[in-house]
Amino acid sequence: MASLVGWQLLALAFIHALQGKTVAALQRYPVKAGFAQRGPRGRCELLRVALDWSKGNPVAQLAGGQGSHMLSAASQADGYLMINPETDVAEGSAYHYYPINQFAA
């Protein structure tokens, strides 16, 4: 997972810049969490999430297990929720959501 996220967030923009393409700022939107969990200690964390639109507004739900070896969660995810260090995830609170489709080459 670290390689995939590193590619999406860092390497892809670098390669586009080398190709002379304009590198756009990352799109992010506030999205409420549909779950609660202890937040990361000492670092930011990107949680793989799927959006649930059943109640009209999007609510982020965890897309499977979040371990670094769980690639199946990446295939089910619509995007990432960025959780700041020392910040617990509270159900109903909004966090920065980064859609995965912006990383398509």
N, C-alpha and C. Protein backbone atom coordinates (compact mmCIF):
# COMPACT_ATOMS: atom_id res chain seq x y z
N MET A 1 0.82 -1.19 0.00
CA MET A 1 0.00 0.00 0.00
C MET A 1 0.86 1.25 0.00
N ALA A 2 1.97 1.23 0.72
CA ALA A 2 2.83 2.42 0.74
C ALA A 2 3.34 2.74 -0.66
N SER A 3 3.65 1.72 -1.43
CA SER A 3 4.13 1.95 -2.80
C SER A 3 3.03 2.55 -3.66
N LEU A 4 1.82 2.04 -3.54
CA LEU A 4 0.70 2.57 -4.32
C LEU A 4 0.42 4.02 -3.97
N VAL A 5 0.35 4.32 -2.69
CA VAL A 5 0.07 5.69 -2.26
C VAL A 5 1.23 6.62 -2.63
N GLY A 6 2.45 6.14 -2.48
CA GLY A 6 3.61 6.94 -2.89
C GLY A 6 3.57 7.25 -4.37
N TRP A 7 3.19 6.28 -5.17
CA TRP A 7 3.05 6.50 -6.61
C TRP A 7 1.99 7.55 -6.88
N GLN A 8 0.82 7.38 -6.27
CA GLN A 8 -0.30 8.27 -6.53
C GLN A 8 -0.03 9.70 -6.07
N LEU A 9 0.54 9.86 -4.90
CA LEU A 9 0.70 11.20 -4.33
C LEU A 9 1.99 11.91 -4.72
N LEU A 10 3.04 11.15 -5.03
CA LEU A 10 4.33 11.77 -5.29
C LEU A 10 4.87 11.52 -6.69
N ALA A 11 5.03 10.26 -7.04
CA ALA A 11 5.72 9.91 -8.28
C ALA A 11 4.95 10.34 -9.52
N LEU A 12 3.65 10.17 -9.53
CA LEU A 12 2.86 10.52 -10.70
C LEU A 12 2.97 12.01 -11.02
N ALA A 13 2.87 12.85 -10.00
CA ALA A 13 3.02 14.30 -10.21
C ALA A 13 4.43 14.64 -10.71
N PHE A 14 5.43 13.97 -10.17
CA PHE A 14 6.82 14.20 -10.59
C PHE A 14 7.00 13.83 -12.06
N ILE A 15 6.47 12.69 -12.48
CA ILE A 15 6.59 12.26 -13.88
C ILE A 15 5.84 13.21 -14.80
N HIS A 16 4.66 13.64 -14.38
CA HIS A 16 3.92 14.61 -15.20
C HIS A 16 4.72 15.91 -15.35
N ALA A 17 5.36 16.36 -14.29
CA ALA A 17 6.17 17.58 -14.37
C ALA A 17 7.34 17.39 -15.33
N LEU A 18 7.98 16.22 -15.29
CA LEU A 18 9.08 15.94 -16.21
C LEU A 18 8.60 15.92 -17.66
N GLN A 19 7.36 15.54 -17.88
CA GLN A 19 6.79 15.51 -19.23
C GLN A 19 6.31 16.89 -19.68
N GLY A 20 6.43 17.88 -18.81
CA GLY A 20 6.01 19.23 -19.15
C GLY A 20 4.53 19.47 -18.95
N LYS A 21 3.84 18.53 -18.33
CA LYS A 21 2.41 18.71 -18.06
C LYS A 21 2.23 19.60 -16.84
N THR A 22 1.11 20.29 -16.81
CA THR A 22 0.78 21.09 -15.65
C THR A 22 0.33 20.15 -14.53
N VAL A 23 0.92 20.33 -13.37
CA VAL A 23 0.58 19.49 -12.23
C VAL A 23 -0.46 20.25 -11.40
N ALA A 24 -1.66 19.73 -11.39
CA ALA A 24 -2.75 20.38 -10.66
C ALA A 24 -2.66 20.06 -9.17
N ALA A 25 -3.17 20.96 -8.38
CA ALA A 25 -3.27 20.70 -6.94
C ALA A 25 -4.22 19.53 -6.71
N LEU A 26 -3.97 18.78 -5.66
CA LEU A 26 -4.85 17.65 -5.35
C LEU A 26 -6.24 18.13 -5.00
N GLN A 27 -7.25 17.43 -5.52
CA GLN A 27 -8.63 17.72 -5.17
C GLN A 27 -8.91 17.11 -3.80
N ARG A 28 -9.58 17.87 -2.96
CA ARG A 28 -10.00 17.33 -1.67
C ARG A 28 -11.32 17.97 -1.29
N TYR A 29 -12.11 17.21 -0.57
CA TYR A 29 -13.45 17.64 -0.18
C TYR A 29 -13.71 17.22 1.26
N PRO A 30 -14.50 17.99 1.99
CA PRO A 30 -14.86 17.53 3.34
C PRO A 30 -15.94 16.45 3.23
N VAL A 31 -15.68 15.33 3.87
CA VAL A 31 -16.63 14.22 3.89
C VAL A 31 -16.70 13.70 5.32
N LYS A 32 -17.92 13.39 5.76
CA LYS A 32 -18.11 12.87 7.11
C LYS A 32 -17.76 11.39 7.18
N ALA A 33 -17.19 11.01 8.31
CA ALA A 33 -16.85 9.61 8.56
C ALA A 33 -18.07 8.87 9.08
N GLY A 34 -18.28 7.67 8.59
CA GLY A 34 -19.38 6.82 9.06
C GLY A 34 -18.88 5.77 10.04
N PHE A 35 -17.77 6.04 10.68
CA PHE A 35 -17.15 5.10 11.61
C PHE A 35 -16.32 5.89 12.61
N ALA A 36 -15.91 5.25 13.66
CA ALA A 36 -15.02 5.86 14.65
C ALA A 36 -13.85 4.91 14.87
N GLN A 37 -12.69 5.48 15.09
CA GLN A 37 -11.52 4.66 15.44
C GLN A 37 -10.43 5.55 15.99
N ARG A 38 -9.50 4.92 16.67
CA ARG A 38 -8.36 5.65 17.21
C ARG A 38 -7.51 6.16 16.05
N GLY A 39 -7.05 7.38 16.17
CA GLY A 39 -6.27 8.00 15.12
C GLY A 39 -4.80 7.63 15.19
N PRO A 40 -4.06 8.04 14.20
CA PRO A 40 -2.63 7.73 14.13
C PRO A 40 -1.84 8.50 15.18
N ARG A 41 -0.81 7.90 15.65
CA ARG A 41 0.06 8.53 16.64
C ARG A 41 1.37 8.91 15.97
N GLY A 42 1.65 10.21 15.91
CA GLY A 42 2.93 10.68 15.42
C GLY A 42 3.05 10.81 13.91
N ARG A 43 1.97 10.61 13.16
CA ARG A 43 2.05 10.71 11.70
C ARG A 43 0.66 10.89 11.11
N CYS A 44 0.60 11.38 9.90
CA CYS A 44 -0.67 11.41 9.17
C CYS A 44 -0.97 10.01 8.66
N GLU A 45 -2.23 9.76 8.43
CA GLU A 45 -2.62 8.46 7.91
C GLU A 45 -3.69 8.66 6.84
N LEU A 46 -3.58 7.90 5.77
CA LEU A 46 -4.59 7.90 4.72
C LEU A 46 -5.39 6.61 4.84
N LEU A 47 -6.67 6.74 5.15
CA LEU A 47 -7.54 5.58 5.27
C LEU A 47 -8.25 5.36 3.94
N ARG A 48 -8.26 4.13 3.47
CA ARG A 48 -8.96 3.80 2.24
C ARG A 48 -10.44 3.68 2.56
N VAL A 49 -11.25 4.47 1.86
CA VAL A 49 -12.68 4.52 2.16
C VAL A 49 -13.52 4.40 0.88
N ALA A 50 -14.74 3.93 1.07
CA ALA A 50 -15.76 3.91 0.02
C ALA A 50 -16.86 4.86 0.46
N LEU A 51 -17.41 5.60 -0.47
CA LEU A 51 -18.47 6.56 -0.14
C LEU A 51 -19.84 5.87 -0.18
N ASP A 52 -20.61 6.11 0.85
CA ASP A 52 -22.00 5.63 0.94
C ASP A 52 -22.90 6.82 0.67
N TRP A 53 -23.67 6.77 -0.40
CA TRP A 53 -24.55 7.87 -0.81
C TRP A 53 -26.01 7.58 -0.46
N SER A 54 -26.28 6.55 0.31
CA SER A 54 -27.66 6.11 0.54
C SER A 54 -28.52 7.15 1.26
N LYS A 55 -27.92 8.08 1.99
CA LYS A 55 -28.70 9.09 2.71
C LYS A 55 -28.59 10.47 2.05
N GLY A 56 -28.19 10.49 0.78
CA GLY A 56 -28.13 11.75 0.05
C GLY A 56 -26.75 12.37 0.00
N ASN A 57 -26.13 12.60 1.15
CA ASN A 57 -24.78 13.15 1.20
C ASN A 57 -23.79 12.02 1.40
N PRO A 58 -22.59 12.15 0.86
CA PRO A 58 -21.62 11.06 0.99
C PRO A 58 -21.14 10.90 2.43
N VAL A 59 -21.02 9.64 2.83
CA VAL A 59 -20.46 9.29 4.13
C VAL A 59 -19.36 8.27 3.87
N ALA A 60 -18.18 8.51 4.40
CA ALA A 60 -17.05 7.61 4.18
C ALA A 60 -17.13 6.41 5.11
N GLN A 61 -17.03 5.23 4.52
CA GLN A 61 -16.96 3.97 5.26
C GLN A 61 -15.63 3.31 4.93
N LEU A 62 -15.02 2.64 5.90
CA LEU A 62 -13.77 1.95 5.64
C LEU A 62 -13.97 0.92 4.54
N ALA A 63 -13.05 0.87 3.60
CA ALA A 63 -13.12 -0.08 2.48
C ALA A 63 -12.28 -1.30 2.84
N GLY A 64 -12.73 -2.07 3.80
CA GLY A 64 -12.00 -3.27 4.21
C GLY A 64 -10.91 -2.96 5.20
N GLY A 65 -10.06 -3.95 5.41
CA GLY A 65 -8.95 -3.81 6.35
C GLY A 65 -7.96 -2.75 5.89
N GLN A 66 -7.30 -2.12 6.82
CA GLN A 66 -6.41 -1.01 6.50
C GLN A 66 -4.94 -1.36 6.62
N GLY A 67 -4.64 -2.63 6.82
CA GLY A 67 -3.24 -3.03 6.91
C GLY A 67 -2.50 -2.79 5.61
N SER A 68 -1.19 -2.62 5.69
CA SER A 68 -0.40 -2.32 4.50
C SER A 68 -0.39 -3.46 3.50
N HIS A 69 -0.74 -4.65 3.92
CA HIS A 69 -0.77 -5.82 3.03
C HIS A 69 -2.15 -6.06 2.42
N MET A 70 -3.13 -5.25 2.75
CA MET A 70 -4.51 -5.47 2.33
C MET A 70 -4.82 -4.71 1.04
N LEU A 71 -4.40 -5.24 -0.07
CA LEU A 71 -4.62 -4.60 -1.36
C LEU A 71 -6.08 -4.65 -1.79
N SER A 72 -6.83 -5.61 -1.26
CA SER A 72 -8.25 -5.70 -1.64
C SER A 72 -9.00 -4.43 -1.23
N ALA A 73 -8.59 -3.81 -0.13
CA ALA A 73 -9.24 -2.56 0.30
C ALA A 73 -8.99 -1.46 -0.72
N ALA A 74 -7.83 -1.46 -1.35
CA ALA A 74 -7.54 -0.45 -2.37
C ALA A 74 -8.45 -0.62 -3.58
N SER A 75 -8.77 -1.85 -3.92
CA SER A 75 -9.63 -2.08 -5.08
C SER A 75 -11.08 -1.71 -4.80
N GLN A 76 -11.47 -1.64 -3.53
CA GLN A 76 -12.84 -1.31 -3.15
C GLN A 76 -13.01 0.17 -2.78
N ALA A 77 -11.91 0.90 -2.69
CA ALA A 77 -11.94 2.27 -2.20
C ALA A 77 -12.27 3.26 -3.31
N ASP A 78 -12.99 4.31 -2.92
CA ASP A 78 -13.27 5.44 -3.81
C ASP A 78 -12.25 6.55 -3.60
N GLY A 79 -11.59 6.54 -2.44
CA GLY A 79 -10.65 7.60 -2.12
C GLY A 79 -10.03 7.39 -0.76
N TYR A 80 -9.37 8.44 -0.30
CA TYR A 80 -8.67 8.41 0.98
C TYR A 80 -9.22 9.49 1.90
N LEU A 81 -9.32 9.16 3.18
CA LEU A 81 -9.54 10.18 4.22
C LEU A 81 -8.20 10.44 4.85
N MET A 82 -7.80 11.70 4.93
CA MET A 82 -6.54 12.03 5.58
C MET A 82 -6.83 12.36 7.04
N ILE A 83 -6.14 11.63 7.91
CA ILE A 83 -6.30 11.81 9.35
C ILE A 83 -4.99 12.36 9.89
N ASN A 84 -5.07 13.50 10.55
CA ASN A 84 -3.88 14.15 11.10
C ASN A 84 -3.37 13.41 12.33
N PRO A 85 -2.08 13.59 12.64
CA PRO A 85 -1.52 12.94 13.82
C PRO A 85 -2.29 13.30 15.10
N GLU A 86 -2.39 12.33 15.98
CA GLU A 86 -3.03 12.52 17.29
C GLU A 86 -4.50 12.90 17.17
N THR A 87 -5.15 12.57 16.05
CA THR A 87 -6.56 12.90 15.84
C THR A 87 -7.37 11.62 15.73
N ASP A 88 -8.25 11.38 16.69
CA ASP A 88 -9.12 10.22 16.60
C ASP A 88 -10.24 10.50 15.60
N VAL A 89 -10.66 9.46 14.89
CA VAL A 89 -11.75 9.60 13.94
C VAL A 89 -13.07 9.48 14.71
N ALA A 90 -13.90 10.50 14.60
CA ALA A 90 -15.20 10.52 15.26
C ALA A 90 -16.29 10.37 14.21
N GLU A 91 -17.20 9.44 14.42
CA GLU A 91 -18.30 9.25 13.49
C GLU A 91 -19.09 10.54 13.36
N GLY A 92 -19.36 10.96 12.13
CA GLY A 92 -20.11 12.18 11.88
C GLY A 92 -19.25 13.42 11.72
N SER A 93 -17.97 13.33 12.06
CA SER A 93 -17.06 14.47 11.87
C SER A 93 -16.52 14.45 10.45
N ALA A 94 -16.21 15.63 9.93
CA ALA A 94 -15.71 15.75 8.55
C ALA A 94 -14.18 15.72 8.52
N TYR A 95 -13.65 15.10 7.48
CA TYR A 95 -12.21 14.98 7.26
C TYR A 95 -11.95 15.24 5.77
N HIS A 96 -10.70 15.54 5.44
CA HIS A 96 -10.35 15.75 4.03
C HIS A 96 -10.42 14.42 3.29
N TYR A 97 -11.17 14.42 2.19
CA TYR A 97 -11.33 13.25 1.33
C TYR A 97 -10.66 13.53 -0.01
N TYR A 98 -9.82 12.62 -0.45
CA TYR A 98 -9.12 12.73 -1.72
C TYR A 98 -9.61 11.62 -2.65
N PRO A 99 -10.36 11.95 -3.71
CA PRO A 99 -10.86 10.91 -4.61
C PRO A 99 -9.72 10.22 -5.36
N ILE A 100 -9.82 8.91 -5.49
CA ILE A 100 -8.79 8.13 -6.17
C ILE A 100 -8.77 8.42 -7.66
N ASN A 101 -9.90 8.74 -8.25
CA ASN A 101 -9.93 8.91 -9.70
C ASN A 101 -9.04 10.06 -10.19
N GLN A 102 -8.60 10.94 -9.32
CA GLN A 102 -7.72 12.03 -9.75
C GLN A 102 -6.30 11.53 -10.00
N PHE A 103 -6.00 10.28 -9.63
CA PHE A 103 -4.66 9.75 -9.81
C PHE A 103 -4.52 8.92 -11.09
N ALA A 104 -5.56 8.88 -11.91
CA ALA A 104 -5.47 8.15 -13.16
C ALA A 104 -4.49 8.88 -14.08
N ALA A 105 -3.60 8.14 -14.64
CA ALA A 105 -2.59 8.73 -15.54
C ALA A 105 -3.26 9.11 -16.80
